[in-house]
Amino acid sequence: MIKLRINGEERIIEPGMTVADYLQSLHLHSRMVVIEHNFEIIPRDSYGDTVLKEGDNLEIVQMMAGG
């Protein structure tokens, strides 16, 4: 297990998880979020290639519809 910070809170996840894996575990669709990984926004096509590591910082911002 590895520790990282997600949206300001410490979380523990399985080693080897990618951003895409983590989003899937939360039942979030990649088209409905913007991800900042270690203080840099990453492109959606990199979610499956970005492996989360011990000490990483992840911010997940969900798109909301409304008016």
PDB file of N, CA and C in Angstrom:
ATOM      1  N   MET A   1       0.852  -1.182   0.000  1.00  0.00           N
ATOM      2  CA  MET A   1       0.000   0.000   0.000  1.00  0.00           C
ATOM      3  C   MET A   1       0.895   1.242   0.000  1.00  0.00           C
ATOM      4  N   ILE A   2       0.401   2.286  -0.668  1.00  0.00           N
ATOM      5  CA  ILE A   2       1.152   3.539  -0.705  1.00  0.00           C
ATOM      6  C   ILE A   2       0.261   4.681  -0.217  1.00  0.00           C
ATOM      7  N   LYS A   3       0.915   5.706   0.339  1.00  0.00           N
ATOM      8  CA  LYS A   3       0.206   6.891   0.829  1.00  0.00           C
ATOM      9  C   LYS A   3       0.436   8.038  -0.140  1.00  0.00           C
ATOM     10  N   LEU A   4      -0.635   8.770  -0.397  1.00  0.00           N
ATOM     11  CA  LEU A   4      -0.548   9.980  -1.188  1.00  0.00           C
ATOM     12  C   LEU A   4      -1.636  10.927  -0.732  1.00  0.00           C
ATOM     13  N   ARG A   5      -1.604  12.142  -1.241  1.00  0.00           N
ATOM     14  CA  ARG A   5      -2.587  13.147  -0.856  1.00  0.00           C
ATOM     15  C   ARG A   5      -3.518  13.373  -2.039  1.00  0.00           C
ATOM     16  N   ILE A   6      -4.815  13.203  -1.794  1.00  0.00           N
ATOM     17  CA  ILE A   6      -5.823  13.389  -2.834  1.00  0.00           C
ATOM     18  C   ILE A   6      -6.827  14.424  -2.338  1.00  0.00           C
ATOM     19  N   ASN A   7      -6.943  15.505  -3.081  1.00  0.00           N
ATOM     20  CA  ASN A   7      -7.823  16.629  -2.704  1.00  0.00           C
ATOM     21  C   ASN A   7      -7.592  17.060  -1.263  1.00  0.00           C
ATOM     22  N   GLY A   8      -6.316  17.118  -0.895  1.00  0.00           N
ATOM     23  CA  GLY A   8      -5.939  17.623   0.422  1.00  0.00           C
ATOM     24  C   GLY A   8      -6.009  16.625   1.558  1.00  0.00           C
ATOM     25  N   GLU A   9      -6.427  15.395   1.286  1.00  0.00           N
ATOM     26  CA  GLU A   9      -6.531  14.391   2.342  1.00  0.00           C
ATOM     27  C   GLU A   9      -5.609  13.220   2.051  1.00  0.00           C
ATOM     28  N   GLU A  10      -4.986  12.700   3.096  1.00  0.00           N
ATOM     29  CA  GLU A  10      -4.119  11.534   2.927  1.00  0.00           C
ATOM     30  C   GLU A  10      -4.960  10.301   2.621  1.00  0.00           C
ATOM     31  N   ARG A  11      -4.559   9.565   1.603  1.00  0.00           N
ATOM     32  CA  ARG A  11      -5.252   8.335   1.193  1.00  0.00           C
ATOM     33  C   ARG A  11      -4.234   7.215   1.054  1.00  0.00           C
ATOM     34  N   ILE A  12      -4.718   5.998   1.152  1.00  0.00           N
ATOM     35  CA  ILE A  12      -3.891   4.820   0.933  1.00  0.00           C
ATOM     36  C   ILE A  12      -4.490   4.047  -0.223  1.00  0.00           C
ATOM     37  N   ILE A  13      -3.649   3.732  -1.223  1.00  0.00           N
ATOM     38  CA  ILE A  13      -4.122   3.002  -2.393  1.00  0.00           C
ATOM     39  C   ILE A  13      -3.190   1.827  -2.689  1.00  0.00           C
ATOM     40  N   GLU A  14      -3.614   0.995  -3.615  1.00  0.00           N
ATOM     41  CA  GLU A  14      -2.807  -0.142  -4.057  1.00  0.00           C
ATOM     42  C   GLU A  14      -1.616   0.357  -4.878  1.00  0.00           C
ATOM     43  N   PRO A  15      -0.453  -0.251  -4.719  1.00  0.00           N
ATOM     44  CA  PRO A  15       0.686   0.116  -5.561  1.00  0.00           C
ATOM     45  C   PRO A  15       0.394  -0.193  -7.029  1.00  0.00           C
ATOM     46  N   GLY A  16       0.935   0.636  -7.913  1.00  0.00           N
ATOM     47  CA  GLY A  16       0.793   0.406  -9.343  1.00  0.00           C
ATOM     48  C   GLY A  16      -0.461   0.978  -9.959  1.00  0.00           C
ATOM     49  N   MET A  17      -1.323   1.606  -9.163  1.00  0.00           N
ATOM     50  CA  MET A  17      -2.547   2.196  -9.720  1.00  0.00           C
ATOM     51  C   MET A  17      -2.200   3.401 -10.577  1.00  0.00           C
ATOM     52  N   THR A  18      -2.894   3.515 -11.698  1.00  0.00           N
ATOM     53  CA  THR A  18      -2.773   4.708 -12.529  1.00  0.00           C
ATOM     54  C   THR A  18      -3.888   5.679 -12.152  1.00  0.00           C
ATOM     55  N   VAL A  19      -3.788   6.884 -12.689  1.00  0.00           N
ATOM     56  CA  VAL A  19      -4.860   7.855 -12.484  1.00  0.00           C
ATOM     57  C   VAL A  19      -6.172   7.279 -13.011  1.00  0.00           C
ATOM     58  N   ALA A  20      -6.134   6.635 -14.180  1.00  0.00           N
ATOM     59  CA  ALA A  20      -7.348   6.036 -14.757  1.00  0.00           C
ATOM     60  C   ALA A  20      -7.921   4.961 -13.838  1.00  0.00           C
ATOM     61  N   ASP A  21      -7.054   4.130 -13.251  1.00  0.00           N
ATOM     62  CA  ASP A  21      -7.516   3.090 -12.319  1.00  0.00           C
ATOM     63  C   ASP A  21      -8.213   3.724 -11.121  1.00  0.00           C
ATOM     64  N   TYR A  22      -7.606   4.788 -10.585  1.00  0.00           N
ATOM     65  CA  TYR A  22      -8.187   5.437  -9.411  1.00  0.00           C
ATOM     66  C   TYR A  22      -9.543   6.050  -9.743  1.00  0.00           C
ATOM     67  N   LEU A  23      -9.639   6.712 -10.887  1.00  0.00           N
ATOM     68  CA  LEU A  23     -10.929   7.281 -11.291  1.00  0.00           C
ATOM     69  C   LEU A  23     -11.976   6.187 -11.431  1.00  0.00           C
ATOM     70  N   GLN A  24     -11.599   5.072 -12.015  1.00  0.00           N
ATOM     71  CA  GLN A  24     -12.537   3.957 -12.174  1.00  0.00           C
ATOM     72  C   GLN A  24     -12.996   3.445 -10.815  1.00  0.00           C
ATOM     73  N   SER A  25     -12.093   3.391  -9.841  1.00  0.00           N
ATOM     74  CA  SER A  25     -12.468   2.911  -8.501  1.00  0.00           C
ATOM     75  C   SER A  25     -13.487   3.847  -7.841  1.00  0.00           C
ATOM     76  N   LEU A  26     -13.493   5.112  -8.258  1.00  0.00           N
ATOM     77  CA  LEU A  26     -14.449   6.095  -7.726  1.00  0.00           C
ATOM     78  C   LEU A  26     -15.699   6.213  -8.595  1.00  0.00           C
ATOM     79  N   HIS A  27     -15.741   5.449  -9.683  1.00  0.00           N
ATOM     80  CA  HIS A  27     -16.845   5.501 -10.646  1.00  0.00           C
ATOM     81  C   HIS A  27     -16.975   6.891 -11.265  1.00  0.00           C
ATOM     82  N   LEU A  28     -15.817   7.511 -11.549  1.00  0.00           N
ATOM     83  CA  LEU A  28     -15.787   8.815 -12.200  1.00  0.00           C
ATOM     84  C   LEU A  28     -15.346   8.638 -13.648  1.00  0.00           C
ATOM     85  N   HIS A  29     -16.028   9.291 -14.562  1.00  0.00           N
ATOM     86  CA  HIS A  29     -15.669   9.230 -15.976  1.00  0.00           C
ATOM     87  C   HIS A  29     -14.584  10.270 -16.253  1.00  0.00           C
ATOM     88  N   SER A  30     -13.568   9.876 -16.986  1.00  0.00           N
ATOM     89  CA  SER A  30     -12.430  10.767 -17.239  1.00  0.00           C
ATOM     90  C   SER A  30     -12.829  12.053 -17.958  1.00  0.00           C
ATOM     91  N   ARG A  31     -13.929  12.046 -18.703  1.00  0.00           N
ATOM     92  CA  ARG A  31     -14.362  13.252 -19.413  1.00  0.00           C
ATOM     93  C   ARG A  31     -15.029  14.268 -18.474  1.00  0.00           C
ATOM     94  N   MET A  32     -15.318  13.842 -17.253  1.00  0.00           N
ATOM     95  CA  MET A  32     -16.021  14.719 -16.314  1.00  0.00           C
ATOM     96  C   MET A  32     -15.112  15.304 -15.231  1.00  0.00           C
ATOM     97  N   VAL A  33     -13.791  15.100 -15.382  1.00  0.00           N
ATOM     98  CA  VAL A  33     -12.857  15.597 -14.371  1.00  0.00           C
ATOM     99  C   VAL A  33     -11.650  16.255 -15.030  1.00  0.00           C
ATOM    100  N   VAL A  34     -10.989  17.078 -14.251  1.00  0.00           N
ATOM    101  CA  VAL A  34      -9.667  17.607 -14.585  1.00  0.00           C
ATOM    102  C   VAL A  34      -8.756  17.146 -13.462  1.00  0.00           C
ATOM    103  N   ILE A  35      -7.576  16.646 -13.820  1.00  0.00           N
ATOM    104  CA  ILE A  35      -6.655  16.099 -12.827  1.00  0.00           C
ATOM    105  C   ILE A  35      -5.376  16.918 -12.786  1.00  0.00           C
ATOM    106  N   GLU A  36      -4.999  17.285 -11.566  1.00  0.00           N
ATOM    107  CA  GLU A  36      -3.700  17.910 -11.335  1.00  0.00           C
ATOM    108  C   GLU A  36      -2.862  16.886 -10.564  1.00  0.00           C
ATOM    109  N   HIS A  37      -1.748  16.497 -11.149  1.00  0.00           N
ATOM    110  CA  HIS A  37      -0.859  15.501 -10.543  1.00  0.00           C
ATOM    111  C   HIS A  37       0.452  16.192 -10.211  1.00  0.00           C
ATOM    112  N   ASN A  38       0.778  16.243  -8.932  1.00  0.00           N
ATOM    113  CA  ASN A  38       1.981  16.928  -8.456  1.00  0.00           C
ATOM    114  C   ASN A  38       2.067  18.357  -9.014  1.00  0.00           C
ATOM    115  N   PHE A  39       0.934  19.048  -8.900  1.00  0.00           N
ATOM    116  CA  PHE A  39       0.811  20.477  -9.205  1.00  0.00           C
ATOM    117  C   PHE A  39       0.887  20.805 -10.696  1.00  0.00           C
ATOM    118  N   GLU A  40       0.683  19.801 -11.561  1.00  0.00           N
ATOM    119  CA  GLU A  40       0.622  20.035 -13.002  1.00  0.00           C
ATOM    120  C   GLU A  40      -0.619  19.340 -13.560  1.00  0.00           C
ATOM    121  N   ILE A  41      -1.391  20.056 -14.361  1.00  0.00           N
ATOM    122  CA  ILE A  41      -2.562  19.455 -15.003  1.00  0.00           C
ATOM    123  C   ILE A  41      -2.064  18.465 -16.046  1.00  0.00           C
ATOM    124  N   ILE A  42      -2.640  17.270 -16.021  1.00  0.00           N
ATOM    125  CA  ILE A  42      -2.220  16.261 -16.995  1.00  0.00           C
ATOM    126  C   ILE A  42      -3.322  16.062 -18.029  1.00  0.00           C
ATOM    127  N   PRO A  43      -2.937  15.800 -19.292  1.00  0.00           N
ATOM    128  CA  PRO A  43      -3.934  15.562 -20.334  1.00  0.00           C
ATOM    129  C   PRO A  43      -4.683  14.256 -20.098  1.00  0.00           C
ATOM    130  N   ARG A  44      -5.938  14.215 -20.504  1.00  0.00           N
ATOM    131  CA  ARG A  44      -6.769  13.025 -20.294  1.00  0.00           C
ATOM    132  C   ARG A  44      -6.150  11.775 -20.914  1.00  0.00           C
ATOM    133  N   ASP A  45      -5.480  11.929 -22.055  1.00  0.00           N
ATOM    134  CA  ASP A  45      -4.905  10.745 -22.691  1.00  0.00           C
ATOM    135  C   ASP A  45      -3.692  10.201 -21.946  1.00  0.00           C
ATOM    136  N   SER A  46      -3.261  10.884 -20.877  1.00  0.00           N
ATOM    137  CA  SER A  46      -2.154  10.397 -20.048  1.00  0.00           C
ATOM    138  C   SER A  46      -2.629   9.709 -18.765  1.00  0.00           C
ATOM    139  N   TYR A  47      -3.931   9.721 -18.488  1.00  0.00           N
ATOM    140  CA  TYR A  47      -4.435   9.144 -17.242  1.00  0.00           C
ATOM    141  C   TYR A  47      -4.038   7.675 -17.094  1.00  0.00           C
ATOM    142  N   GLY A  48      -4.089   6.921 -18.179  1.00  0.00           N
ATOM    143  CA  GLY A  48      -3.758   5.504 -18.120  1.00  0.00           C
ATOM    144  C   GLY A  48      -2.273   5.222 -18.003  1.00  0.00           C
ATOM    145  N   ASP A  49      -1.443   6.223 -18.314  1.00  0.00           N
ATOM    146  CA  ASP A  49       0.007   6.066 -18.260  1.00  0.00           C
ATOM    147  C   ASP A  49       0.625   6.647 -16.997  1.00  0.00           C
ATOM    148  N   THR A  50      -0.154   7.409 -16.247  1.00  0.00           N
ATOM    149  CA  THR A  50       0.366   8.094 -15.061  1.00  0.00           C
ATOM    150  C   THR A  50       0.168   7.209 -13.837  1.00  0.00           C
ATOM    151  N   VAL A  51       1.259   6.581 -13.396  1.00  0.00           N
ATOM    152  CA  VAL A  51       1.227   5.685 -12.236  1.00  0.00           C
ATOM    153  C   VAL A  51       1.379   6.525 -10.972  1.00  0.00           C
ATOM    154  N   LEU A  52       0.504   6.299 -10.018  1.00  0.00           N
ATOM    155  CA  LEU A  52       0.551   7.023  -8.745  1.00  0.00           C
ATOM    156  C   LEU A  52       1.596   6.398  -7.836  1.00  0.00           C
ATOM    157  N   LYS A  53       2.380   7.267  -7.190  1.00  0.00           N
ATOM    158  CA  LYS A  53       3.490   6.808  -6.352  1.00  0.00           C
ATOM    159  C   LYS A  53       3.387   7.401  -4.953  1.00  0.00           C
ATOM    160  N   GLU A  54       4.105   6.791  -4.036  1.00  0.00           N
ATOM    161  CA  GLU A  54       4.180   7.254  -2.650  1.00  0.00           C
ATOM    162  C   GLU A  54       4.493   8.749  -2.623  1.00  0.00           C
ATOM    163  N   GLY A  55       3.693   9.506  -1.863  1.00  0.00           N
ATOM    164  CA  GLY A  55       3.935  10.926  -1.670  1.00  0.00           C
ATOM    165  C   GLY A  55       3.378  11.833  -2.753  1.00  0.00           C
ATOM    166  N   ASP A  56       2.752  11.272  -3.792  1.00  0.00           N
ATOM    167  CA  ASP A  56       2.179  12.095  -4.848  1.00  0.00           C
ATOM    168  C   ASP A  56       1.068  12.981  -4.299  1.00  0.00           C
ATOM    169  N   ASN A  57       0.803  14.057  -5.013  1.00  0.00           N
ATOM    170  CA  ASN A  57      -0.303  14.949  -4.704  1.00  0.00           C
ATOM    171  C   ASN A  57      -1.244  14.949  -5.911  1.00  0.00           C
ATOM    172  N   LEU A  58      -2.510  14.639  -5.671  1.00  0.00           N
ATOM    173  CA  LEU A  58      -3.492  14.556  -6.743  1.00  0.00           C
ATOM    174  C   LEU A  58      -4.680  15.436  -6.390  1.00  0.00           C
ATOM    175  N   GLU A  59      -5.083  16.280  -7.318  1.00  0.00           N
ATOM    176  CA  GLU A  59      -6.292  17.080  -7.159  1.00  0.00           C
ATOM    177  C   GLU A  59      -7.247  16.663  -8.264  1.00  0.00           C
ATOM    178  N   ILE A  60      -8.469  16.322  -7.887  1.00  0.00           N
ATOM    179  CA  ILE A  60      -9.493  15.911  -8.841  1.00  0.00           C
ATOM    180  C   ILE A  60     -10.610  16.943  -8.790  1.00  0.00           C
ATOM    181  N   VAL A  61     -10.863  17.600  -9.930  1.00  0.00           N
ATOM    182  CA  VAL A  61     -11.904  18.607 -10.005  1.00  0.00           C
ATOM    183  C   VAL A  61     -12.980  18.063 -10.947  1.00  0.00           C
ATOM    184  N   GLN A  62     -14.196  17.940 -10.424  1.00  0.00           N
ATOM    185  CA  GLN A  62     -15.312  17.427 -11.216  1.00  0.00           C
ATOM    186  C   GLN A  62     -16.032  18.559 -11.925  1.00  0.00           C
ATOM    187  N   MET A  63     -16.382  18.309 -13.179  1.00  0.00           N
ATOM    188  CA  MET A  63     -17.175  19.271 -13.942  1.00  0.00           C
ATOM    189  C   MET A  63     -18.612  19.182 -13.448  1.00  0.00           C
ATOM    190  N   MET A  64     -19.258  20.322 -13.353  1.00  0.00           N
ATOM    191  CA  MET A  64     -20.648  20.372 -12.916  1.00  0.00           C
ATOM    192  C   MET A  64     -21.460  21.115 -13.974  1.00  0.00           C
ATOM    193  N   ALA A  65     -22.622  20.606 -14.246  1.00  0.00           N
ATOM    194  CA  ALA A  65     -23.542  21.285 -15.167  1.00  0.00           C
ATOM    195  C   ALA A  65     -24.537  22.087 -14.342  1.00  0.00           C
ATOM    196  N   GLY A  66     -25.018  23.123 -14.918  1.00  0.00           N
ATOM    197  CA  GLY A  66     -26.022  23.900 -14.190  1.00  0.00           C
ATOM    198  C   GLY A  66     -26.087  25.314 -14.731  1.00  0.00           C
ATOM    199  N   GLY A  67     -26.812  26.097 -14.028  1.00  0.00           N
ATOM    200  CA  GLY A  67     -26.944  27.450 -14.537  1.00  0.00           C
ATOM    201  C   GLY A  67     -27.395  28.419 -13.527  1.00  0.00           C
TER     202      GLY A  67
END
